[in-house]
Amino acid sequence: MAAATRDAFLGGRVTALQPVAGHHRSGLDAVLLASAFGAETAGEVIDLGAGAGVAGMVLAARAVNCTVTLAERETELVAYAREAANLTENAAFGARLKPVAVDLLDPAARTGSGLIPAAFDHALMNPPFHDEGSVRVSPKAERARAHVLEAGGLDAWFRAASALVKPGGTLAVILPAARLPDLLAGLAGRFGGVALLPIHPRPDDAAIRILARGTKGSRAPLAILPGLKLHAAAGSAFGEAAQAILGDGASLGDVHMSWGALAFPS
């Protein structure tokens, strides 16, 4: 494997190994995504397009009654995730991680890798979101694939998630706010009772991300929640709620009243 960094998350509760260059490196989005699930989360969880496993590891560190499959196509990133699972620093949850190399958008590949349809209680994903030709892509093919959508677009990712999550299970996804129409289209007919949480850099800034969680097969209505502000109006420090999530390991349900009032399956 290429050179890697040891990156601490949740104030040191999680240590990830990520390549210095050539691949996507996870950070803020991964921790926010994992915060959609509280400590009560239990059962089988799959992190779709897990990269080096940051989001899934953060969730496993918080929710001691879940096992997390880290599903990723790039074999080098799967190797980093597997090595991180065996680190002494991650001993509290490493045995509950299952890194798997698989092309998630290929149904036959999923089955061949042991990812059985409707086998998972919950899923989380931070998929590629740039359309081909819309941005300048990295010359590194692995990094480009992490950012630019291939055939099937975003809908292919939601189709895979729906195939893997059992009825009544949930999916959490984070995407740029500009992809809201695609997010809603991907969830439609698959996941209902959707909660949308806009994420703003500062109180007066437009949202830059949308975090959503929905329940497979639910007919409950959509809810748009008050946004999460990462920073105060001035200064670079994270706000109290954001710091609790990023540094202290809190979930959204712990720090966001509207999210905490939602009745998601655990």
Protein backbone atom coordinates (compact mmCIF):
# COMPACT_ATOMS: atom_id res chain seq x y z
CA MET A 1 0.00 0.00 0.00
CA ALA A 2 1.03 3.61 -0.53
CA ALA A 3 1.99 5.95 2.32
CA ALA A 4 -0.86 6.65 4.74
CA THR A 5 -1.69 9.09 7.49
CA ARG A 6 -3.15 8.20 10.87
CA ASP A 7 -6.16 10.46 11.27
CA ALA A 8 -7.95 10.85 14.60
CA PHE A 9 -11.72 11.36 14.81
CA LEU A 10 -14.09 11.88 17.73
CA GLY A 11 -11.33 13.29 19.88
CA GLY A 12 -9.15 10.24 19.34
CA ARG A 13 -11.78 7.53 19.84
CA VAL A 14 -11.35 6.52 16.19
CA THR A 15 -8.09 6.24 14.25
CA ALA A 16 -8.36 5.91 10.47
CA LEU A 17 -5.61 5.10 7.99
CA GLN A 18 -5.96 7.11 4.79
CA PRO A 19 -3.70 7.39 1.75
CA VAL A 20 -1.62 10.53 1.48
CA ALA A 21 -2.56 10.94 -2.18
CA GLY A 22 -4.32 9.26 -5.06
CA HIS A 23 -7.62 8.48 -3.31
CA HIS A 24 -10.48 10.38 -1.69
CA ARG A 25 -9.80 11.30 1.95
CA SER A 26 -12.76 11.39 4.33
CA GLY A 27 -13.34 14.10 6.90
CA LEU A 28 -16.18 16.34 8.06
CA ASP A 29 -18.88 14.84 5.82
CA ALA A 30 -18.17 11.30 7.03
CA VAL A 31 -18.52 12.24 10.71
CA LEU A 32 -21.71 14.23 10.08
CA LEU A 33 -23.16 11.31 8.14
CA ALA A 34 -22.46 8.86 10.97
CA SER A 35 -24.11 11.25 13.43
CA ALA A 36 -27.47 10.41 11.84
CA PHE A 37 -27.37 7.24 13.95
CA GLY A 38 -27.46 7.27 17.74
CA ALA A 39 -25.87 5.02 20.34
CA GLU A 40 -29.01 2.86 20.37
CA THR A 41 -28.47 1.72 16.77
CA ALA A 42 -28.24 -2.06 16.60
CA GLY A 43 -27.99 -4.88 14.08
CA GLU A 44 -26.27 -5.08 10.70
CA VAL A 45 -25.21 -1.77 9.12
CA ILE A 46 -23.56 -1.19 5.74
CA ASP A 47 -21.42 1.79 4.78
CA LEU A 48 -21.87 2.06 1.00
CA GLY A 49 -18.76 3.33 -0.77
CA ALA A 50 -16.94 3.37 2.55
CA GLY A 51 -13.56 4.56 1.31
CA ALA A 52 -11.08 3.93 4.11
CA GLY A 53 -14.01 3.35 6.47
CA VAL A 54 -14.25 6.60 8.46
CA ALA A 55 -18.05 6.96 8.61
CA GLY A 56 -18.60 3.31 9.46
CA MET A 57 -15.89 3.34 12.12
CA VAL A 58 -17.35 6.46 13.73
CA LEU A 59 -20.75 4.77 13.85
CA ALA A 60 -19.32 1.54 15.27
CA ALA A 61 -17.50 3.51 17.98
CA ARG A 62 -20.76 5.14 19.05
CA ALA A 63 -23.20 2.23 18.69
CA VAL A 64 -21.82 -0.81 20.50
CA ASN A 65 -24.64 -3.14 19.42
CA CYS A 66 -24.07 -2.88 15.68
CA THR A 67 -21.79 -4.59 13.20
CA VAL A 68 -20.70 -2.44 10.24
CA THR A 69 -19.84 -3.74 6.78
CA LEU A 70 -17.45 -1.34 5.04
CA ALA A 71 -18.24 -1.89 1.35
CA GLU A 72 -15.81 -0.27 -1.09
CA ARG A 73 -14.71 -0.93 -4.69
CA GLU A 74 -11.10 0.30 -4.39
CA THR A 75 -9.10 -2.59 -2.99
CA GLU A 76 -6.36 -0.36 -1.60
CA LEU A 77 -8.87 1.54 0.52
CA VAL A 78 -10.36 -1.75 1.74
CA ALA A 79 -6.85 -2.77 2.82
CA TYR A 80 -6.48 0.47 4.80
CA ALA A 81 -9.85 -0.16 6.47
CA ARG A 82 -8.87 -3.71 7.33
CA GLU A 83 -5.58 -2.57 8.84
CA ALA A 84 -7.34 0.18 10.82
CA ALA A 85 -9.81 -2.35 12.22
CA ASN A 86 -6.86 -4.18 13.77
CA LEU A 87 -5.25 -1.13 15.40
CA THR A 88 -4.99 -1.16 19.17
CA GLU A 89 -6.56 2.31 19.23
CA ASN A 90 -9.69 0.86 17.62
CA ALA A 91 -9.93 -2.23 19.82
CA ALA A 92 -13.28 -1.13 21.26
CA PHE A 93 -15.04 -1.64 17.93
CA GLY A 94 -12.57 -3.09 15.41
CA ALA A 95 -13.91 -6.63 15.70
CA ARG A 96 -17.35 -5.35 14.62
CA LEU A 97 -16.05 -4.02 11.29
CA LYS A 98 -16.28 -6.08 8.09
CA PRO A 99 -14.30 -4.53 5.20
CA VAL A 100 -15.48 -5.90 1.84
CA ALA A 101 -14.12 -5.18 -1.65
CA VAL A 102 -17.11 -5.01 -4.01
CA ASP A 103 -18.59 -3.03 -6.87
CA LEU A 104 -21.80 -2.01 -5.13
CA LEU A 105 -23.52 -0.97 -8.35
CA ASP A 106 -23.26 -4.50 -9.80
CA PRO A 107 -25.97 -6.79 -8.30
CA ALA A 108 -24.06 -9.94 -9.24
CA ALA A 109 -20.88 -8.59 -7.63
CA ARG A 110 -22.79 -7.74 -4.46
CA THR A 111 -24.19 -11.23 -4.14
CA GLY A 112 -20.85 -12.78 -4.99
CA SER A 113 -19.25 -10.81 -2.16
CA GLY A 114 -21.80 -12.03 0.34
CA LEU A 115 -23.96 -8.90 0.39
CA ILE A 116 -27.38 -10.54 0.47
CA PRO A 117 -30.45 -8.51 -0.58
CA ALA A 118 -32.49 -7.07 2.30
CA ALA A 119 -29.89 -8.25 4.83
CA PHE A 120 -29.10 -4.92 6.49
CA ASP A 121 -30.95 -3.04 9.21
CA HIS A 122 -29.38 0.31 8.27
CA ALA A 123 -27.19 1.87 5.60
CA LEU A 124 -25.22 5.07 5.26
CA MET A 125 -23.60 6.55 2.18
CA ASN A 126 -21.69 9.55 0.92
CA PRO A 127 -21.69 8.74 -2.81
CA PRO A 128 -19.90 10.47 -5.69
CA PHE A 129 -21.94 13.47 -6.77
CA HIS A 130 -20.32 15.23 -9.74
CA ASP A 131 -21.74 14.54 -13.18
CA GLU A 132 -19.20 13.49 -15.78
CA GLY A 133 -17.87 16.54 -17.60
CA SER A 134 -19.10 19.01 -14.98
CA VAL A 135 -15.81 19.34 -13.11
CA ARG A 136 -12.11 18.96 -13.71
CA VAL A 137 -11.29 15.46 -12.53
CA SER A 138 -8.19 14.12 -10.85
CA PRO A 139 -5.66 12.39 -13.13
CA LYS A 140 -5.68 9.58 -10.58
CA ALA A 141 -8.43 7.19 -11.71
CA GLU A 142 -9.19 6.00 -8.17
CA ARG A 143 -9.71 9.55 -6.88
CA ALA A 144 -11.77 10.50 -9.94
CA ARG A 145 -14.11 7.54 -9.38
CA ALA A 146 -14.73 8.70 -5.81
CA HIS A 147 -16.00 12.08 -7.02
CA VAL A 148 -17.51 11.62 -10.49
CA LEU A 149 -20.64 9.59 -11.17
CA GLU A 150 -20.53 6.78 -13.67
CA ALA A 151 -23.33 5.13 -15.68
CA GLY A 152 -26.58 5.17 -13.73
CA GLY A 153 -25.79 8.38 -11.85
CA LEU A 154 -26.90 8.89 -8.29
CA ASP A 155 -30.00 6.77 -8.80
CA ALA A 156 -27.80 3.67 -9.12
CA TRP A 157 -26.54 4.25 -5.58
CA PHE A 158 -30.04 4.60 -4.17
CA ARG A 159 -31.09 1.48 -6.07
CA ALA A 160 -28.23 -0.44 -4.45
CA ALA A 161 -29.12 0.88 -1.00
CA SER A 162 -32.76 -0.09 -1.43
CA ALA A 163 -31.76 -3.59 -2.54
CA LEU A 164 -29.56 -4.15 0.52
CA VAL A 165 -31.70 -2.63 3.30
CA LYS A 166 -34.51 -4.72 4.73
CA PRO A 167 -38.10 -3.39 4.83
CA GLY A 168 -38.42 -1.04 7.79
CA GLY A 169 -34.67 -0.40 7.81
CA THR A 170 -33.18 3.03 7.28
CA LEU A 171 -30.78 4.85 4.99
CA ALA A 172 -28.78 7.99 5.83
CA VAL A 173 -27.09 9.94 3.05
CA ILE A 174 -25.19 13.22 2.80
CA LEU A 175 -24.93 15.22 -0.43
CA PRO A 176 -24.25 18.80 -1.53
CA ALA A 177 -27.33 20.98 -1.15
CA ALA A 178 -27.34 21.54 -4.92
CA ARG A 179 -28.11 17.82 -5.40
CA LEU A 180 -31.35 18.00 -3.41
CA PRO A 181 -33.55 17.20 -6.46
CA ASP A 182 -31.51 14.05 -7.14
CA LEU A 183 -31.58 13.12 -3.47
CA LEU A 184 -35.38 13.31 -3.37
CA ALA A 185 -35.71 11.44 -6.65
CA GLY A 186 -33.43 8.66 -5.41
CA LEU A 187 -35.39 8.23 -2.19
CA ALA A 188 -38.83 8.39 -3.86
CA GLY A 189 -40.65 5.06 -3.88
CA ARG A 190 -37.88 3.47 -1.83
CA PHE A 191 -37.48 5.33 1.45
CA GLY A 192 -40.21 7.40 3.11
CA GLY A 193 -40.64 9.32 6.34
CA VAL A 194 -37.58 11.24 5.20
CA ALA A 195 -36.01 13.87 7.45
CA LEU A 196 -33.93 16.51 5.67
CA LEU A 197 -31.34 18.44 7.67
CA PRO A 198 -29.67 21.41 5.93
CA ILE A 199 -26.09 22.01 7.06
CA HIS A 200 -24.88 25.63 7.03
CA PRO A 201 -21.32 26.92 7.49
CA ARG A 202 -22.64 29.92 9.48
CA PRO A 203 -26.07 31.14 10.61
CA ASP A 204 -26.55 33.51 7.67
CA ASP A 205 -25.00 31.25 5.00
CA ALA A 206 -26.89 29.09 2.55
CA ALA A 207 -26.78 25.35 3.20
CA ILE A 208 -23.80 23.54 1.68
CA ARG A 209 -24.90 19.99 2.51
CA ILE A 210 -28.13 18.09 3.04
CA LEU A 211 -28.20 15.15 5.44
CA ALA A 212 -31.20 12.88 5.00
CA ARG A 213 -32.48 9.75 6.71
CA GLY A 214 -35.49 7.72 5.63
CA THR A 215 -37.17 4.37 6.29
CA LYS A 216 -37.57 1.74 3.58
CA GLY A 217 -41.22 1.31 2.65
CA SER A 218 -42.49 4.08 4.92
CA ARG A 219 -45.39 6.24 3.72
CA ALA A 220 -44.83 8.94 6.33
CA PRO A 221 -44.44 12.49 5.01
CA LEU A 222 -41.22 14.37 4.39
CA ALA A 223 -39.92 16.64 7.16
CA ILE A 224 -37.54 19.56 6.62
CA LEU A 225 -35.80 20.30 9.92
CA PRO A 226 -34.13 23.43 11.26
CA GLY A 227 -30.58 23.52 9.96
CA LEU A 228 -27.34 22.67 11.73
CA LYS A 229 -24.87 25.57 11.84
CA LEU A 230 -21.24 24.49 11.91
CA HIS A 231 -19.75 27.81 13.07
CA ALA A 232 -20.90 30.98 14.83
CA ALA A 233 -21.32 34.18 12.83
CA ALA A 234 -17.67 35.07 13.42
CA GLY A 235 -14.51 33.11 14.14
CA SER A 236 -13.31 29.73 12.95
CA ALA A 237 -14.25 27.60 15.96
CA PHE A 238 -17.01 25.06 15.60
CA GLY A 239 -20.29 25.82 17.35
CA GLU A 240 -21.35 23.86 20.42
CA ALA A 241 -23.50 21.32 18.57
CA ALA A 242 -20.97 20.75 15.79
CA GLN A 243 -18.12 20.37 18.27
CA ALA A 244 -20.12 17.83 20.26
CA ILE A 245 -20.56 15.75 17.09
CA LEU A 246 -17.07 16.13 15.69
CA GLY A 247 -15.02 16.05 18.86
CA ASP A 248 -17.09 14.40 21.54
CA GLY A 249 -18.85 11.65 19.57
CA ALA A 250 -22.40 12.94 20.05
CA SER A 251 -25.08 11.98 17.57
CA LEU A 252 -27.51 14.43 15.99
CA GLY A 253 -30.19 13.11 18.31
CA ASP A 254 -28.09 14.24 21.27
CA VAL A 255 -27.64 17.85 20.14
CA HIS A 256 -30.44 18.70 17.69
CA MET A 257 -33.89 18.85 19.28
CA SER A 258 -35.89 18.26 16.08
CA TRP A 259 -33.74 15.32 15.00
CA GLY A 260 -33.89 13.82 18.47
CA ALA A 261 -37.70 13.93 18.39
CA LEU A 262 -37.83 11.70 15.28
CA ALA A 263 -38.79 8.05 15.77
CA PHE A 264 -36.38 6.18 13.51
CA PRO A 265 -36.09 2.40 13.86
CA SER A 266 -33.03 1.47 15.91
